[in-house]
């Protein structure tokens, strides 16, 4: 498989591995940008920060209060189905992270989005 770059309004995704069961991506989030506040019905993912300072906004329940956690290089975070989450490069740096997840690319339910998607 060759790598695939997908431009996003917040940066880009590089798909570096994909099978029927899993997908590996590198996400580059430009400083000052954030992904949509979202959840997945089936997709499960684990991220690890490669560079920069990432703010993860999340709630473990659909109607729960949003929390925030700051992750730095080497830190990781697990997202399970129905967990509300958002990745933010709002700490003064671009962010690069690796994401390994189940292969449900279209499984995104957006709650809020800075880019009107």
PDB file of N, CA and C in Angstrom:
ATOM      1  N   UNK A   1       0.838  -1.188   0.000  1.00  0.00           N
ATOM      2  CA  UNK A   1       0.000   0.000   0.000  1.00  0.00           C
ATOM      3  C   UNK A   1       0.877   1.244   0.000  1.00  0.00           C
ATOM      4  N   UNK A   2       0.531   2.202  -0.832  1.00  0.00           N
ATOM      5  CA  UNK A   2       1.249   3.472  -0.795  1.00  0.00           C
ATOM      6  C   UNK A   2       0.520   4.418   0.149  1.00  0.00           C
ATOM      7  N   UNK A   3       1.253   5.366   0.710  1.00  0.00           N
ATOM      8  CA  UNK A   3       0.625   6.300   1.629  1.00  0.00           C
ATOM      9  C   UNK A   3      -0.313   7.230   0.874  1.00  0.00           C
ATOM     10  N   UNK A   4      -1.344   7.667   1.553  1.00  0.00           N
ATOM     11  CA  UNK A   4      -2.342   8.557   0.986  1.00  0.00           C
ATOM     12  C   UNK A   4      -2.445   9.788   1.863  1.00  0.00           C
ATOM     13  N   UNK A   5      -2.310  10.966   1.274  1.00  0.00           N
ATOM     14  CA  UNK A   5      -2.454  12.229   2.002  1.00  0.00           C
ATOM     15  C   UNK A   5      -3.842  12.786   1.701  1.00  0.00           C
ATOM     16  N   UNK A   6      -4.574  13.134   2.753  1.00  0.00           N
ATOM     17  CA  UNK A   6      -5.904  13.722   2.607  1.00  0.00           C
ATOM     18  C   UNK A   6      -5.865  15.101   3.262  1.00  0.00           C
ATOM     19  N   UNK A   7      -6.011  16.143   2.447  1.00  0.00           N
ATOM     20  CA  UNK A   7      -6.014  17.511   2.971  1.00  0.00           C
ATOM     21  C   UNK A   7      -7.299  17.739   3.769  1.00  0.00           C
ATOM     22  N   UNK A   8      -7.170  18.421   4.887  1.00  0.00           N
ATOM     23  CA  UNK A   8      -8.290  18.769   5.760  1.00  0.00           C
ATOM     24  C   UNK A   8      -8.223  20.263   6.057  1.00  0.00           C
ATOM     25  N   UNK A   9      -9.336  20.885   6.445  1.00  0.00           N
ATOM     26  CA  UNK A   9      -9.283  22.321   6.745  1.00  0.00           C
ATOM     27  C   UNK A   9      -8.404  22.642   7.960  1.00  0.00           C
ATOM     28  N   UNK A  10      -8.156  21.664   8.795  1.00  0.00           N
ATOM     29  CA  UNK A  10      -7.337  21.842  10.005  1.00  0.00           C
ATOM     30  C   UNK A  10      -5.889  21.373   9.824  1.00  0.00           C
ATOM     31  N   UNK A  11      -5.567  20.773   8.674  1.00  0.00           N
ATOM     32  CA  UNK A  11      -4.230  20.227   8.435  1.00  0.00           C
ATOM     33  C   UNK A  11      -4.320  19.115   7.408  1.00  0.00           C
ATOM     34  N   UNK A  12      -3.862  17.905   7.768  1.00  0.00           N
ATOM     35  CA  UNK A  12      -3.973  16.769   6.858  1.00  0.00           C
ATOM     36  C   UNK A  12      -3.867  15.448   7.608  1.00  0.00           C
ATOM     37  N   UNK A  13      -4.316  14.394   6.939  1.00  0.00           N
ATOM     38  CA  UNK A  13      -4.159  13.020   7.402  1.00  0.00           C
ATOM     39  C   UNK A  13      -3.285  12.282   6.402  1.00  0.00           C
ATOM     40  N   UNK A  14      -2.401  11.453   6.896  1.00  0.00           N
ATOM     41  CA  UNK A  14      -1.616  10.563   6.055  1.00  0.00           C
ATOM     42  C   UNK A  14      -1.962   9.138   6.457  1.00  0.00           C
ATOM     43  N   UNK A  15      -2.594   8.394   5.556  1.00  0.00           N
ATOM     44  CA  UNK A  15      -2.901   6.990   5.823  1.00  0.00           C
ATOM     45  C   UNK A  15      -1.674   6.178   5.438  1.00  0.00           C
ATOM     46  N   UNK A  16      -1.082   5.494   6.414  1.00  0.00           N
ATOM     47  CA  UNK A  16       0.146   4.742   6.165  1.00  0.00           C
ATOM     48  C   UNK A  16      -0.051   3.231   6.269  1.00  0.00           C
ATOM     49  N   UNK A  17      -1.201   2.788   6.759  1.00  0.00           N
ATOM     50  CA  UNK A  17      -1.503   1.351   6.827  1.00  0.00           C
ATOM     51  C   UNK A  17      -3.011   1.174   6.793  1.00  0.00           C
ATOM     52  N   UNK A  18      -3.481   0.157   6.068  1.00  0.00           N
ATOM     53  CA  UNK A  18      -4.922  -0.099   6.028  1.00  0.00           C
ATOM     54  C   UNK A  18      -5.175  -1.543   5.645  1.00  0.00           C
ATOM     55  N   UNK A  19      -6.001  -2.214   6.452  1.00  0.00           N
ATOM     56  CA  UNK A  19      -6.481  -3.560   6.155  1.00  0.00           C
ATOM     57  C   UNK A  19      -7.991  -3.556   6.361  1.00  0.00           C
ATOM     58  N   UNK A  20      -8.617  -4.696   6.224  1.00  0.00           N
ATOM     59  CA  UNK A  20     -10.047  -4.787   6.515  1.00  0.00           C
ATOM     60  C   UNK A  20     -10.337  -4.500   7.981  1.00  0.00           C
ATOM     61  N   UNK A  21      -9.367  -4.752   8.863  1.00  0.00           N
ATOM     62  CA  UNK A  21      -9.598  -4.669  10.301  1.00  0.00           C
ATOM     63  C   UNK A  21      -9.109  -3.383  10.967  1.00  0.00           C
ATOM     64  N   UNK A  22      -8.067  -2.762  10.429  1.00  0.00           N
ATOM     65  CA  UNK A  22      -7.512  -1.583  11.092  1.00  0.00           C
ATOM     66  C   UNK A  22      -6.954  -0.605  10.073  1.00  0.00           C
ATOM     67  N   UNK A  23      -6.706   0.617  10.589  1.00  0.00           N
ATOM     68  CA  UNK A  23      -6.105   1.668   9.767  1.00  0.00           C
ATOM     69  C   UNK A  23      -5.111   2.444  10.631  1.00  0.00           C
ATOM     70  N   UNK A  24      -3.991   2.838  10.038  1.00  0.00           N
ATOM     71  CA  UNK A  24      -2.998   3.663  10.718  1.00  0.00           C
ATOM     72  C   UNK A  24      -2.885   4.996  10.006  1.00  0.00           C
ATOM     73  N   UNK A  25      -2.933   6.077  10.763  1.00  0.00           N
ATOM     74  CA  UNK A  25      -2.861   7.424  10.190  1.00  0.00           C
ATOM     75  C   UNK A  25      -1.884   8.266  10.993  1.00  0.00           C
ATOM     76  N   UNK A  26      -1.320   9.262  10.336  1.00  0.00           N
ATOM     77  CA  UNK A  26      -0.667  10.370  11.019  1.00  0.00           C
ATOM     78  C   UNK A  26      -1.531  11.589  10.758  1.00  0.00           C
ATOM     79  N   UNK A  27      -1.925  12.272  11.813  1.00  0.00           N
ATOM     80  CA  UNK A  27      -2.702  13.500  11.697  1.00  0.00           C
ATOM     81  C   UNK A  27      -1.785  14.667  12.001  1.00  0.00           C
ATOM     82  N   UNK A  28      -1.795  15.664  11.120  1.00  0.00           N
ATOM     83  CA  UNK A  28      -1.082  16.919  11.358  1.00  0.00           C
ATOM     84  C   UNK A  28      -2.146  17.992  11.550  1.00  0.00           C
ATOM     85  N   UNK A  29      -2.158  18.607  12.737  1.00  0.00           N
ATOM     86  CA  UNK A  29      -3.129  19.653  13.055  1.00  0.00           C
ATOM     87  C   UNK A  29      -2.370  20.967  13.149  1.00  0.00           C
ATOM     88  N   UNK A  30      -2.750  21.921  12.309  1.00  0.00           N
ATOM     89  CA  UNK A  30      -2.092  23.230  12.318  1.00  0.00           C
ATOM     90  C   UNK A  30      -2.417  23.979  13.608  1.00  0.00           C
ATOM     91  N   UNK A  31      -1.433  24.703  14.100  1.00  0.00           N
ATOM     92  CA  UNK A  31      -1.600  25.476  15.336  1.00  0.00           C
ATOM     93  C   UNK A  31      -2.826  26.379  15.237  1.00  0.00           C
ATOM     94  N   UNK A  32      -3.619  26.395  16.300  1.00  0.00           N
ATOM     95  CA  UNK A  32      -4.817  27.220  16.345  1.00  0.00           C
ATOM     96  C   UNK A  32      -6.057  26.537  15.790  1.00  0.00           C
ATOM     97  N   UNK A  33      -5.921  25.319  15.272  1.00  0.00           N
ATOM     98  CA  UNK A  33      -7.054  24.604  14.691  1.00  0.00           C
ATOM     99  C   UNK A  33      -7.473  23.432  15.565  1.00  0.00           C
ATOM    100  N   UNK A  34      -8.678  22.935  15.299  1.00  0.00           N
ATOM    101  CA  UNK A  34      -9.187  21.782  16.031  1.00  0.00           C
ATOM    102  C   UNK A  34     -10.124  20.986  15.136  1.00  0.00           C
ATOM    103  N   UNK A  35     -10.220  19.708  15.409  1.00  0.00           N
ATOM    104  CA  UNK A  35     -11.126  18.841  14.676  1.00  0.00           C
ATOM    105  C   UNK A  35     -12.532  19.029  15.222  1.00  0.00           C
ATOM    106  N   UNK A  36     -13.509  18.448  14.566  1.00  0.00           N
ATOM    107  CA  UNK A  36     -14.887  18.578  15.029  1.00  0.00           C
ATOM    108  C   UNK A  36     -15.078  17.854  16.357  1.00  0.00           C
ATOM    109  N   UNK A  37     -16.036  18.335  17.133  1.00  0.00           N
ATOM    110  CA  UNK A  37     -16.488  17.615  18.320  1.00  0.00           C
ATOM    111  C   UNK A  37     -17.359  16.492  17.783  1.00  0.00           C
ATOM    112  N   UNK A  38     -17.008  15.250  18.080  1.00  0.00           N
ATOM    113  CA  UNK A  38     -17.604  14.116  17.387  1.00  0.00           C
ATOM    114  C   UNK A  38     -17.624  12.865  18.244  1.00  0.00           C
ATOM    115  N   UNK A  39     -18.300  11.856  17.716  1.00  0.00           N
ATOM    116  CA  UNK A  39     -18.218  10.519  18.292  1.00  0.00           C
ATOM    117  C   UNK A  39     -18.384   9.520  17.157  1.00  0.00           C
ATOM    118  N   UNK A  40     -18.070   8.274  17.446  1.00  0.00           N
ATOM    119  CA  UNK A  40     -18.187   7.192  16.476  1.00  0.00           C
ATOM    120  C   UNK A  40     -19.113   6.126  17.044  1.00  0.00           C
ATOM    121  N   UNK A  41     -19.928   5.542  16.184  1.00  0.00           N
ATOM    122  CA  UNK A  41     -20.820   4.461  16.619  1.00  0.00           C
ATOM    123  C   UNK A  41     -20.064   3.146  16.809  1.00  0.00           C
ATOM    124  N   UNK A  42     -19.099   2.866  15.917  1.00  0.00           N
ATOM    125  CA  UNK A  42     -18.362   1.600  15.976  1.00  0.00           C
ATOM    126  C   UNK A  42     -16.856   1.773  16.086  1.00  0.00           C
ATOM    127  N   UNK A  43     -16.334   2.825  15.517  1.00  0.00           N
ATOM    128  CA  UNK A  43     -14.884   3.025  15.454  1.00  0.00           C
ATOM    129  C   UNK A  43     -14.281   3.158  16.850  1.00  0.00           C
ATOM    130  N   UNK A  44     -13.154   2.491  17.049  1.00  0.00           N
ATOM    131  CA  UNK A  44     -12.377   2.587  18.275  1.00  0.00           C
ATOM    132  C   UNK A  44     -10.967   2.980  17.873  1.00  0.00           C
ATOM    133  N   UNK A  45     -10.346   3.896  18.613  1.00  0.00           N
ATOM    134  CA  UNK A  45      -9.044   4.392  18.205  1.00  0.00           C
ATOM    135  C   UNK A  45      -8.154   4.683  19.407  1.00  0.00           C
ATOM    136  N   UNK A  46      -6.850   4.591  19.159  1.00  0.00           N
ATOM    137  CA  UNK A  46      -5.849   4.998  20.132  1.00  0.00           C
ATOM    138  C   UNK A  46      -4.901   5.952  19.425  1.00  0.00           C
ATOM    139  N   UNK A  47      -4.604   7.068  20.094  1.00  0.00           N
ATOM    140  CA  UNK A  47      -3.682   8.045  19.523  1.00  0.00           C
ATOM    141  C   UNK A  47      -2.445   8.147  20.408  1.00  0.00           C
ATOM    142  N   UNK A  48      -1.339   8.580  19.787  1.00  0.00           N
ATOM    143  CA  UNK A  48      -0.102   8.878  20.513  1.00  0.00           C
ATOM    144  C   UNK A  48       0.491  10.136  19.893  1.00  0.00           C
ATOM    145  N   UNK A  49       0.817  11.100  20.740  1.00  0.00           N
ATOM    146  CA  UNK A  49       1.360  12.370  20.266  1.00  0.00           C
ATOM    147  C   UNK A  49       2.812  12.170  19.847  1.00  0.00           C
ATOM    148  N   UNK A  50       3.113  12.558  18.605  1.00  0.00           N
ATOM    149  CA  UNK A  50       4.475  12.489  18.082  1.00  0.00           C
ATOM    150  C   UNK A  50       5.236  13.778  18.340  1.00  0.00           C
ATOM    151  N   UNK A  51       4.554  14.932  18.194  1.00  0.00           N
ATOM    152  CA  UNK A  51       5.183  16.231  18.451  1.00  0.00           C
ATOM    153  C   UNK A  51       4.100  17.256  18.742  1.00  0.00           C
ATOM    154  N   UNK A  52       4.491  18.294  19.463  1.00  0.00           N
ATOM    155  CA  UNK A  52       3.555  19.356  19.807  1.00  0.00           C
ATOM    156  C   UNK A  52       2.821  19.066  21.103  1.00  0.00           C
ATOM    157  N   UNK A  53       1.865  19.935  21.403  1.00  0.00           N
ATOM    158  CA  UNK A  53       1.048  19.820  22.608  1.00  0.00           C
ATOM    159  C   UNK A  53      -0.407  19.742  22.166  1.00  0.00           C
ATOM    160  N   UNK A  54      -1.048  18.621  22.468  1.00  0.00           N
ATOM    161  CA  UNK A  54      -2.425  18.360  22.040  1.00  0.00           C
ATOM    162  C   UNK A  54      -3.374  18.519  23.211  1.00  0.00           C
ATOM    163  N   UNK A  55      -4.469  19.244  22.989  1.00  0.00           N
ATOM    164  CA  UNK A  55      -5.564  19.263  23.953  1.00  0.00           C
ATOM    165  C   UNK A  55      -6.632  18.301  23.448  1.00  0.00           C
ATOM    166  N   UNK A  56      -7.012  17.346  24.286  1.00  0.00           N
ATOM    167  CA  UNK A  56      -8.105  16.432  23.971  1.00  0.00           C
ATOM    168  C   UNK A  56      -9.297  16.848  24.820  1.00  0.00           C
ATOM    169  N   UNK A  57     -10.389  17.199  24.166  1.00  0.00           N
ATOM    170  CA  UNK A  57     -11.641  17.486  24.848  1.00  0.00           C
ATOM    171  C   UNK A  57     -12.492  16.239  24.704  1.00  0.00           C
ATOM    172  N   UNK A  58     -13.081  15.755  25.807  1.00  0.00           N
ATOM    173  CA  UNK A  58     -13.782  14.478  25.742  1.00  0.00           C
ATOM    174  C   UNK A  58     -14.841  14.360  26.831  1.00  0.00           C
ATOM    175  N   UNK A  59     -15.753  13.441  26.621  1.00  0.00           N
ATOM    176  CA  UNK A  59     -16.736  13.052  27.621  1.00  0.00           C
ATOM    177  C   UNK A  59     -16.968  11.565  27.470  1.00  0.00           C
ATOM    178  N   UNK A  60     -16.991  10.862  28.564  1.00  0.00           N
ATOM    179  CA  UNK A  60     -17.179   9.420  28.501  1.00  0.00           C
ATOM    180  C   UNK A  60     -18.650   9.033  28.333  1.00  0.00           C
ATOM    181  N   UNK A  61     -19.563  10.008  28.498  1.00  0.00           N
ATOM    182  CA  UNK A  61     -20.997   9.751  28.283  1.00  0.00           C
ATOM    183  C   UNK A  61     -21.533  10.776  27.293  1.00  0.00           C
ATOM    184  N   UNK A  62     -22.503  10.356  26.453  1.00  0.00           N
ATOM    185  CA  UNK A  62     -23.045  11.274  25.441  1.00  0.00           C
ATOM    186  C   UNK A  62     -23.622  12.539  26.063  1.00  0.00           C
ATOM    187  N   UNK A  63     -24.206  12.452  27.255  1.00  0.00           N
ATOM    188  CA  UNK A  63     -24.793  13.634  27.882  1.00  0.00           C
ATOM    189  C   UNK A  63     -23.909  14.160  29.014  1.00  0.00           C
ATOM    190  N   UNK A  64     -22.680  13.686  29.082  1.00  0.00           N
ATOM    191  CA  UNK A  64     -21.794  14.055  30.179  1.00  0.00           C
ATOM    192  C   UNK A  64     -21.081  15.373  29.964  1.00  0.00           C
ATOM    193  N   UNK A  65     -20.475  15.842  31.000  1.00  0.00           N
ATOM    194  CA  UNK A  65     -19.723  17.084  30.970  1.00  0.00           C
ATOM    195  C   UNK A  65     -18.410  16.881  30.217  1.00  0.00           C
ATOM    196  N   UNK A  66     -18.060  17.859  29.385  1.00  0.00           N
ATOM    197  CA  UNK A  66     -16.798  17.782  28.651  1.00  0.00           C
ATOM    198  C   UNK A  66     -15.630  18.073  29.582  1.00  0.00           C
ATOM    199  N   UNK A  67     -14.577  17.286  29.427  1.00  0.00           N
ATOM    200  CA  UNK A  67     -13.334  17.452  30.184  1.00  0.00           C
ATOM    201  C   UNK A  67     -12.232  17.770  29.191  1.00  0.00           C
ATOM    202  N   UNK A  68     -11.093  18.205  29.699  1.00  0.00           N
ATOM    203  CA  UNK A  68      -9.961  18.525  28.849  1.00  0.00           C
ATOM    204  C   UNK A  68      -8.699  17.892  29.431  1.00  0.00           C
ATOM    205  N   UNK A  69      -7.861  17.344  28.558  1.00  0.00           N
ATOM    206  CA  UNK A  69      -6.589  16.769  28.980  1.00  0.00           C
ATOM    207  C   UNK A  69      -5.518  17.241  28.007  1.00  0.00           C
ATOM    208  N   UNK A  70      -4.382  17.634  28.544  1.00  0.00           N
ATOM    209  CA  UNK A  70      -3.246  18.065  27.729  1.00  0.00           C
ATOM    210  C   UNK A  70      -2.306  16.871  27.566  1.00  0.00           C
ATOM    211  N   UNK A  71      -1.964  16.584  26.301  1.00  0.00           N
ATOM    212  CA  UNK A  71      -1.044  15.489  25.988  1.00  0.00           C
ATOM    213  C   UNK A  71       0.193  16.068  25.316  1.00  0.00           C
ATOM    214  N   UNK A  72       1.347  15.518  25.681  1.00  0.00           N
ATOM    215  CA  UNK A  72       2.621  15.938  25.108  1.00  0.00           C
ATOM    216  C   UNK A  72       3.269  14.755  24.397  1.00  0.00           C
ATOM    217  N   UNK A  73       4.378  15.002  23.768  1.00  0.00           N
ATOM    218  CA  UNK A  73       5.077  13.961  23.007  1.00  0.00           C
ATOM    219  C   UNK A  73       5.201  12.663  23.822  1.00  0.00           C
ATOM    220  N   UNK A  74       4.747  11.565  23.213  1.00  0.00           N
ATOM    221  CA  UNK A  74       4.809  10.254  23.848  1.00  0.00           C
ATOM    222  C   UNK A  74       3.557   9.872  24.617  1.00  0.00           C
ATOM    223  N   UNK A  75       2.692  10.848  24.934  1.00  0.00           N
ATOM    224  CA  UNK A  75       1.451  10.536  25.647  1.00  0.00           C
ATOM    225  C   UNK A  75       0.450   9.901  24.699  1.00  0.00           C
ATOM    226  N   UNK A  76      -0.432   9.081  25.247  1.00  0.00           N
ATOM    227  CA  UNK A  76      -1.436   8.411  24.430  1.00  0.00           C
ATOM    228  C   UNK A  76      -2.806   8.530  25.068  1.00  0.00           C
ATOM    229  N   UNK A  77      -3.851   8.262  24.247  1.00  0.00           N
ATOM    230  CA  UNK A  77      -5.234   8.392  24.698  1.00  0.00           C
ATOM    231  C   UNK A  77      -6.076   7.408  23.903  1.00  0.00           C
ATOM    232  N   UNK A  78      -6.990   6.717  24.564  1.00  0.00           N
ATOM    233  CA  UNK A  78      -7.844   5.727  23.911  1.00  0.00           C
ATOM    234  C   UNK A  78      -9.272   6.257  23.819  1.00  0.00           C
ATOM    235  N   UNK A  79      -9.877   6.090  22.648  1.00  0.00           N
ATOM    236  CA  UNK A  79     -11.251   6.526  22.399  1.00  0.00           C
ATOM    237  C   UNK A  79     -12.065   5.312  22.005  1.00  0.00           C
ATOM    238  N   UNK A  80     -13.123   5.083  22.738  1.00  0.00           N
ATOM    239  CA  UNK A  80     -13.984   3.943  22.469  1.00  0.00           C
ATOM    240  C   UNK A  80     -15.288   4.420  21.823  1.00  0.00           C
ATOM    241  N   UNK A  81     -16.069   3.518  21.229  1.00  0.00           N
ATOM    242  CA  UNK A  81     -17.311   3.928  20.562  1.00  0.00           C
ATOM    243  C   UNK A  81     -18.219   4.745  21.490  1.00  0.00           C
ATOM    244  N   UNK A  82     -18.851   5.757  20.922  1.00  0.00           N
ATOM    245  CA  UNK A  82     -19.796   6.670  21.575  1.00  0.00           C
ATOM    246  C   UNK A  82     -19.139   7.677  22.514  1.00  0.00           C
ATOM    247  N   UNK A  83     -17.819   7.693  22.597  1.00  0.00           N
ATOM    248  CA  UNK A  83     -17.118   8.678  23.425  1.00  0.00           C
ATOM    249  C   UNK A  83     -16.986   9.975  22.634  1.00  0.00           C
ATOM    250  N   UNK A  84     -17.546  11.062  23.152  1.00  0.00           N
ATOM    251  CA  UNK A  84     -17.434  12.362  22.507  1.00  0.00           C
ATOM    252  C   UNK A  84     -15.996  12.845  22.661  1.00  0.00           C
ATOM    253  N   UNK A  85     -15.426  13.386  21.566  1.00  0.00           N
ATOM    254  CA  UNK A  85     -14.037  13.835  21.626  1.00  0.00           C
ATOM    255  C   UNK A  85     -13.739  14.872  20.551  1.00  0.00           C
ATOM    256  N   UNK A  86     -12.656  15.609  20.798  1.00  0.00           N
ATOM    257  CA  UNK A  86     -12.157  16.620  19.857  1.00  0.00           C
ATOM    258  C   UNK A  86     -10.662  16.780  20.110  1.00  0.00           C
ATOM    259  N   UNK A  87      -9.869  16.830  19.031  1.00  0.00           N
ATOM    260  CA  UNK A  87      -8.430  17.059  19.128  1.00  0.00           C
ATOM    261  C   UNK A  87      -8.155  18.513  18.763  1.00  0.00           C
ATOM    262  N   UNK A  88      -7.363  19.196  19.591  1.00  0.00           N
ATOM    263  CA  UNK A  88      -7.140  20.632  19.423  1.00  0.00           C
ATOM    264  C   UNK A  88      -5.648  20.966  19.470  1.00  0.00           C
ATOM    265  N   UNK A  89      -5.203  21.761  18.524  1.00  0.00           N
ATOM    266  CA  UNK A  89      -3.829  22.294  18.533  1.00  0.00           C
ATOM    267  C   UNK A  89      -3.906  23.738  19.007  1.00  0.00           C
ATOM    268  N   UNK A  90      -4.380  23.926  20.226  1.00  0.00           N
ATOM    269  CA  UNK A  90      -4.653  25.256  20.762  1.00  0.00           C
ATOM    270  C   UNK A  90      -3.654  25.678  21.831  1.00  0.00           C
ATOM    271  N   UNK A  91      -2.538  24.962  21.936  1.00  0.00           N
ATOM    272  CA  UNK A  91      -1.555  25.246  22.977  1.00  0.00           C
ATOM    273  C   UNK A  91      -0.292  25.902  22.411  1.00  0.00           C
ATOM    274  N   UNK A  92      -0.403  26.530  21.224  1.00  0.00           N
ATOM    275  CA  UNK A  92       0.704  27.291  20.667  1.00  0.00           C
ATOM    276  C   UNK A  92       1.646  26.505  19.774  1.00  0.00           C
ATOM    277  N   UNK A  93       1.262  25.283  19.366  1.00  0.00           N
ATOM    278  CA  UNK A  93       2.115  24.476  18.487  1.00  0.00           C
ATOM    279  C   UNK A  93       1.284  23.730  17.460  1.00  0.00           C
ATOM    280  N   UNK A  94       1.905  23.418  16.325  1.00  0.00           N
ATOM    281  CA  UNK A  94       1.338  22.393  15.448  1.00  0.00           C
ATOM    282  C   UNK A  94       1.410  21.074  16.217  1.00  0.00           C
ATOM    283  N   UNK A  95       0.560  20.126  15.853  1.00  0.00           N
ATOM    284  CA  UNK A  95       0.552  18.815  16.506  1.00  0.00           C
ATOM    285  C   UNK A  95       0.609  17.728  15.445  1.00  0.00           C
ATOM    286  N   UNK A  96       1.466  16.744  15.674  1.00  0.00           N
ATOM    287  CA  UNK A  96       1.483  15.517  14.882  1.00  0.00           C
ATOM    288  C   UNK A  96       1.178  14.370  15.821  1.00  0.00           C
ATOM    289  N   UNK A  97       0.242  13.520  15.416  1.00  0.00           N
ATOM    290  CA  UNK A  97      -0.092  12.359  16.234  1.00  0.00           C
ATOM    291  C   UNK A  97      -0.312  11.161  15.335  1.00  0.00           C
ATOM    292  N   UNK A  98      -0.099   9.992  15.885  1.00  0.00           N
ATOM    293  CA  UNK A  98      -0.387   8.758  15.168  1.00  0.00           C
ATOM    294  C   UNK A  98      -1.698   8.221  15.729  1.00  0.00           C
ATOM    295  N   UNK A  99      -2.547   7.740  14.832  1.00  0.00           N
ATOM    296  CA  UNK A  99      -3.827   7.147  15.221  1.00  0.00           C
ATOM    297  C   UNK A  99      -3.893   5.751  14.623  1.00  0.00           C
ATOM    298  N   UNK A 100      -4.204   4.790  15.461  1.00  0.00           N
ATOM    299  CA  UNK A 100      -4.482   3.431  15.005  1.00  0.00           C
ATOM    300  C   UNK A 100      -5.912   3.135  15.421  1.00  0.00           C
ATOM    301  N   UNK A 101      -6.722   2.678  14.465  1.00  0.00           N
ATOM    302  CA  UNK A 101      -8.136   2.485  14.768  1.00  0.00           C
ATOM    303  C   UNK A 101      -8.714   1.330  13.970  1.00  0.00           C
ATOM    304  N   UNK A 102      -9.915   0.948  14.376  1.00  0.00           N
ATOM    305  CA  UNK A 102     -10.686   0.022  13.565  1.00  0.00           C
ATOM    306  C   UNK A 102     -11.017   0.727  12.258  1.00  0.00           C
ATOM    307  N   UNK A 103     -11.242  -0.032  11.210  1.00  0.00           N
ATOM    308  CA  UNK A 103     -11.370   0.525   9.867  1.00  0.00           C
ATOM    309  C   UNK A 103     -12.815   0.922   9.544  1.00  0.00           C
ATOM    310  N   UNK A 104     -13.277   1.993  10.192  1.00  0.00           N
ATOM    311  CA  UNK A 104     -14.604   2.561   9.910  1.00  0.00           C
ATOM    312  C   UNK A 104     -14.417   4.032   9.554  1.00  0.00           C
ATOM    313  N   UNK A 105     -13.889   4.295   8.356  1.00  0.00           N
ATOM    314  CA  UNK A 105     -13.535   5.656   7.966  1.00  0.00           C
ATOM    315  C   UNK A 105     -14.713   6.618   7.912  1.00  0.00           C
ATOM    316  N   UNK A 106     -15.889   6.137   7.578  1.00  0.00           N
ATOM    317  CA  UNK A 106     -17.048   7.018   7.431  1.00  0.00           C
ATOM    318  C   UNK A 106     -17.862   7.150   8.715  1.00  0.00           C
ATOM    319  N   UNK A 107     -17.428   6.524   9.789  1.00  0.00           N
ATOM    320  CA  UNK A 107     -18.165   6.507  11.056  1.00  0.00           C
ATOM    321  C   UNK A 107     -17.820   7.747  11.885  1.00  0.00           C
ATOM    322  N   UNK A 108     -18.370   8.895  11.472  1.00  0.00           N
ATOM    323  CA  UNK A 108     -18.150  10.155  12.183  1.00  0.00           C
ATOM    324  C   UNK A 108     -19.496  10.844  12.351  1.00  0.00           C
ATOM    325  N   UNK A 109     -19.869  11.089  13.597  1.00  0.00           N
ATOM    326  CA  UNK A 109     -21.076  11.857  13.913  1.00  0.00           C
ATOM    327  C   UNK A 109     -20.621  13.174  14.514  1.00  0.00           C
ATOM    328  N   UNK A 110     -20.724  14.261  13.738  1.00  0.00           N
ATOM    329  CA  UNK A 110     -20.264  15.566  14.196  1.00  0.00           C
ATOM    330  C   UNK A 110     -21.325  16.248  15.058  1.00  0.00           C
ATOM    331  N   UNK A 111     -20.877  16.820  16.164  1.00  0.00           N
ATOM    332  CA  UNK A 111     -21.746  17.572  17.071  1.00  0.00           C
ATOM    333  C   UNK A 111     -21.533  19.068  16.848  1.00  0.00           C
ATOM    334  N   UNK A 112     -20.264  19.479  16.728  1.00  0.00           N
ATOM    335  CA  UNK A 112     -19.879  20.868  16.408  1.00  0.00           C
ATOM    336  C   UNK A 112     -18.724  20.798  15.440  1.00  0.00           C
ATOM    337  N   UNK A 113     -18.636  21.787  14.548  1.00  0.00           N
ATOM    338  CA  UNK A 113     -17.535  21.804  13.591  1.00  0.00           C
ATOM    339  C   UNK A 113     -17.213  23.241  13.205  1.00  0.00           C
ATOM    340  N   UNK A 114     -15.949  23.613  13.337  1.00  0.00           N
ATOM    341  CA  UNK A 114     -15.508  24.973  12.998  1.00  0.00           C
ATOM    342  C   UNK A 114     -15.570  25.246  11.498  1.00  0.00           C
ATOM    343  N   UNK A 115     -15.692  24.209  10.687  1.00  0.00           N
ATOM    344  CA  UNK A 115     -15.593  24.334   9.226  1.00  0.00           C
ATOM    345  C   UNK A 115     -16.918  24.016   8.518  1.00  0.00           C
ATOM    346  N   UNK A 116     -18.019  24.011   9.276  1.00  0.00           N
ATOM    347  CA  UNK A 116     -19.375  23.825   8.729  1.00  0.00           C
ATOM    348  C   UNK A 116     -19.517  22.569   7.882  1.00  0.00           C
ATOM    349  N   UNK A 117     -18.923  21.476   8.343  1.00  0.00           N
ATOM    350  CA  UNK A 117     -19.080  20.200   7.622  1.00  0.00           C
ATOM    351  C   UNK A 117     -20.235  19.429   8.199  1.00  0.00           C
TER     352      UNK A 117
END
